[in-house]
Amino acid sequence: MSMSNENIVLIGMMGTGKTTVSSLLADRLGYKLVDIDAEIEAQEDCPIPVLFEQKGEAYFREIETSVLLRVLDQSSQIISTGGGSVLKPHNCDAMKKAGWVVALTASAEAIIRRVSANRDRPLLAGNVEERVHQIMQERQTKYSFADLTVDTSDMEPEEVVHYILAHHRV
C-alpha cells in the first residue's frame, strides 16, 4: 500500500483523545473518518453500553474484531478504534498491515478528568479512578506495536494533530 493512501489508525485508552483527534485528522487530510465504536453501534443497532450489559464483553470483542477487519480492508481512512481493540494480537497485526498506527496515551489523572463526566463507558462502572488505574495496568504493554506514541496529557487536540502530521511518513 502506498504511503499516500494508507490508513492512519488511532489506538489508546478511552479518554486519550482518539475521537476528537481522528475527526481533526480526517478534516485536515481529506480522509474518510471511521469510528469503530460508531460502526459497531450501527451494525448492532444498539448503544455499546447496552450491548455490554445484554450480551457481555466477550460478544462485544468478537463484533469489534469483525468490524475492525472489515474497515481495515479500505484505504485513505482515519480510524478511531475502541480502547480494547488492542486486546487481540490478531487485531494489532491487522492494524499494522493496513496502515500507520498512532497510540495516544495520557496520564491516569488526565484520563480520569476527561472521562469522569461520561456515564456511557461500560468498563468504568464503579470507582472511576480505580478502574482507570486497573485498565491502564492491564493494557500498558498493549500499545507498544504503534509506529508513533503521543502523550496527550498536556496537549490540545490541534497540537496532537500537528505532532502526528509532523511525524507522519508521507
Protein backbone atom coordinates (compact mmCIF):
# COMPACT_ATOMS: atom_id res chain seq x y z
CA MET A 1 0.00 0.00 0.00
CA SER A 2 1.44 3.36 -0.90
CA MET A 3 2.01 5.90 1.82
CA SER A 4 -0.27 8.42 0.15
CA ASN A 5 -3.45 6.42 0.64
CA GLU A 6 -2.76 4.35 3.70
CA ASN A 7 -4.94 4.43 6.76
CA ILE A 8 -3.97 6.16 9.98
CA VAL A 9 -5.19 4.05 12.88
CA LEU A 10 -5.54 5.66 16.31
CA ILE A 11 -5.29 3.36 19.31
CA GLY A 12 -5.26 4.10 23.02
CA MET A 13 -7.31 4.03 26.16
CA MET A 14 -10.59 5.82 26.50
CA GLY A 15 -10.05 9.47 27.33
CA THR A 16 -6.82 9.89 25.38
CA GLY A 17 -8.45 11.92 22.60
CA LYS A 18 -8.93 9.37 19.81
CA THR A 19 -12.39 10.59 18.78
CA THR A 20 -11.52 14.30 18.69
CA VAL A 21 -8.09 13.87 17.11
CA SER A 22 -9.35 11.44 14.46
CA SER A 23 -12.03 13.91 13.39
CA LEU A 24 -9.49 16.73 13.08
CA LEU A 25 -7.04 14.50 11.18
CA ALA A 26 -9.73 13.37 8.73
CA ASP A 27 -10.66 17.00 8.03
CA ARG A 28 -7.02 18.00 7.58
CA LEU A 29 -6.11 15.14 5.23
CA GLY A 30 -9.44 14.78 3.43
CA TYR A 31 -9.64 11.15 4.53
CA LYS A 32 -12.79 9.28 5.48
CA LEU A 33 -13.37 9.21 9.25
CA VAL A 34 -14.31 5.82 10.68
CA ASP A 35 -15.11 5.39 14.37
CA ILE A 36 -15.13 1.68 15.19
CA ASP A 37 -17.49 2.13 18.16
CA ALA A 38 -19.97 4.04 15.97
CA GLU A 39 -19.71 1.32 13.31
CA ILE A 40 -20.47 -1.33 15.94
CA GLU A 41 -23.48 0.61 17.22
CA ALA A 42 -24.81 0.99 13.66
CA GLN A 43 -24.28 -2.68 12.80
CA GLU A 44 -25.82 -3.95 16.03
CA ASP A 45 -28.47 -1.20 16.18
CA CYS A 46 -27.65 -0.88 19.85
CA PRO A 47 -25.60 1.51 22.02
CA ILE A 48 -22.36 -0.05 23.28
CA PRO A 49 -23.26 0.21 27.00
CA VAL A 50 -26.48 -1.74 26.28
CA LEU A 51 -24.58 -4.26 24.14
CA PHE A 52 -22.13 -4.83 27.02
CA GLU A 53 -24.97 -5.20 29.50
CA GLN A 54 -27.11 -7.54 27.39
CA LYS A 55 -24.52 -9.67 25.61
CA GLY A 56 -21.30 -9.24 27.60
CA GLU A 57 -17.77 -8.13 26.86
CA ALA A 58 -16.76 -11.33 25.02
CA TYR A 59 -19.55 -10.87 22.46
CA PHE A 60 -18.66 -7.20 22.09
CA ARG A 61 -14.98 -8.03 21.44
CA GLU A 62 -15.96 -10.51 18.69
CA ILE A 63 -18.11 -7.88 16.96
CA GLU A 64 -15.35 -5.30 17.44
CA THR A 65 -12.86 -7.59 15.67
CA SER A 66 -15.16 -8.31 12.73
CA VAL A 67 -15.96 -4.60 12.26
CA LEU A 68 -12.29 -3.63 12.58
CA LEU A 69 -11.18 -6.18 9.97
CA ARG A 70 -13.90 -5.05 7.55
CA VAL A 71 -12.91 -1.39 7.97
CA LEU A 72 -9.18 -2.09 7.63
CA ASP A 73 -9.85 -3.54 4.19
CA GLN A 74 -10.36 0.00 2.83
CA SER A 75 -7.79 2.79 2.42
CA SER A 76 -7.43 6.55 2.94
CA GLN A 77 -9.19 6.46 6.29
CA ILE A 78 -8.61 7.84 9.75
CA ILE A 79 -9.74 5.02 12.03
CA SER A 80 -10.57 5.66 15.66
CA THR A 81 -10.52 2.31 17.44
CA GLY A 82 -12.15 1.30 20.68
CA GLY A 83 -9.82 1.24 23.67
CA GLY A 84 -9.88 -2.56 23.78
CA SER A 85 -9.20 -3.16 20.09
CA VAL A 86 -5.60 -3.98 21.00
CA LEU A 87 -6.51 -6.85 23.31
CA LYS A 88 -6.35 -9.41 20.50
CA PRO A 89 -2.92 -9.83 18.85
CA HIS A 90 -4.66 -10.59 15.53
CA ASN A 91 -6.25 -7.11 15.61
CA CYS A 92 -2.85 -5.50 16.21
CA ASP A 93 -1.29 -7.38 13.29
CA ALA A 94 -4.16 -6.34 11.01
CA MET A 95 -3.85 -2.69 12.05
CA LYS A 96 -0.09 -2.70 11.32
CA LYS A 97 -0.64 -4.22 7.88
CA ALA A 98 -3.41 -1.78 6.96
CA GLY A 99 -1.85 1.49 7.98
CA TRP A 100 0.21 3.71 10.19
CA VAL A 101 -0.66 3.14 13.86
CA VAL A 102 -0.60 6.02 16.33
CA ALA A 103 -1.01 5.33 20.05
CA LEU A 104 -2.48 8.16 22.07
CA THR A 105 -1.60 7.97 25.75
CA ALA A 106 -2.30 10.16 28.75
CA SER A 107 -1.67 10.17 32.47
CA ALA A 108 -4.21 8.47 34.71
CA GLU A 109 -5.13 11.91 36.09
CA ALA A 110 -5.82 13.32 32.62
CA ILE A 111 -7.92 10.30 31.65
CA ILE A 112 -9.92 10.43 34.88
CA ARG A 113 -10.56 14.14 34.37
CA ARG A 114 -11.71 13.58 30.79
CA VAL A 115 -13.97 10.56 31.36
CA SER A 116 -15.46 11.32 34.76
CA ALA A 117 -18.45 13.17 33.32
CA ASN A 118 -19.27 10.39 30.85
CA ARG A 119 -21.51 7.64 32.19
CA ASP A 120 -21.64 5.80 28.85
CA ARG A 121 -18.40 3.92 29.39
CA PRO A 122 -19.28 0.37 30.47
CA LEU A 123 -15.77 -0.53 31.61
CA LEU A 124 -15.80 2.34 34.11
CA ALA A 125 -18.71 1.08 36.19
CA GLY A 126 -17.96 1.64 39.86
CA ASN A 127 -14.98 3.62 41.11
CA VAL A 128 -13.71 5.53 38.06
CA GLU A 129 -10.22 6.23 39.47
CA GLU A 130 -9.73 2.61 40.48
CA ARG A 131 -10.95 1.29 37.13
CA VAL A 132 -8.78 3.69 35.09
CA HIS A 133 -5.67 2.63 37.02
CA GLN A 134 -6.62 -1.05 36.66
CA ILE A 135 -7.26 -0.81 32.90
CA MET A 136 -4.03 1.17 32.40
CA GLN A 137 -2.07 -1.52 34.20
CA GLU A 138 -3.75 -4.34 32.25
CA ARG A 139 -3.08 -2.66 28.90
CA GLN A 140 0.24 -0.89 29.50
CA THR A 141 2.16 -3.11 27.05
CA LYS A 142 -0.66 -3.49 24.51
CA TYR A 143 0.10 -0.27 22.61
CA SER A 144 3.82 -0.87 22.06
CA PHE A 145 3.33 -2.01 18.43
CA ALA A 146 2.37 1.53 17.36
CA ASP A 147 4.51 3.41 14.85
CA LEU A 148 4.18 6.60 16.91
CA THR A 149 3.16 7.26 20.51
CA VAL A 150 1.84 10.65 21.62
CA ASP A 151 1.24 11.61 25.25
CA THR A 152 -1.83 13.85 25.06
CA SER A 153 -1.96 14.66 28.80
CA ASP A 154 -0.97 18.31 28.40
CA MET A 155 -1.78 18.84 24.73
CA GLU A 156 -4.77 20.39 22.99
CA PRO A 157 -6.27 18.26 20.18
CA GLU A 158 -4.86 20.60 17.49
CA GLU A 159 -1.37 20.19 18.98
CA VAL A 160 -1.76 16.40 18.85
CA VAL A 161 -2.79 16.59 15.18
CA HIS A 162 0.19 18.84 14.38
CA TYR A 163 2.55 16.41 16.14
CA ILE A 164 1.12 13.40 14.28
CA LEU A 165 1.34 15.13 10.90
CA ALA A 166 4.90 16.28 11.60
CA HIS A 167 5.87 12.63 12.16
CA HIS A 168 3.67 11.03 9.52
CA ARG A 169 5.65 9.20 6.90
CA VAL A 170 4.23 10.83 3.76
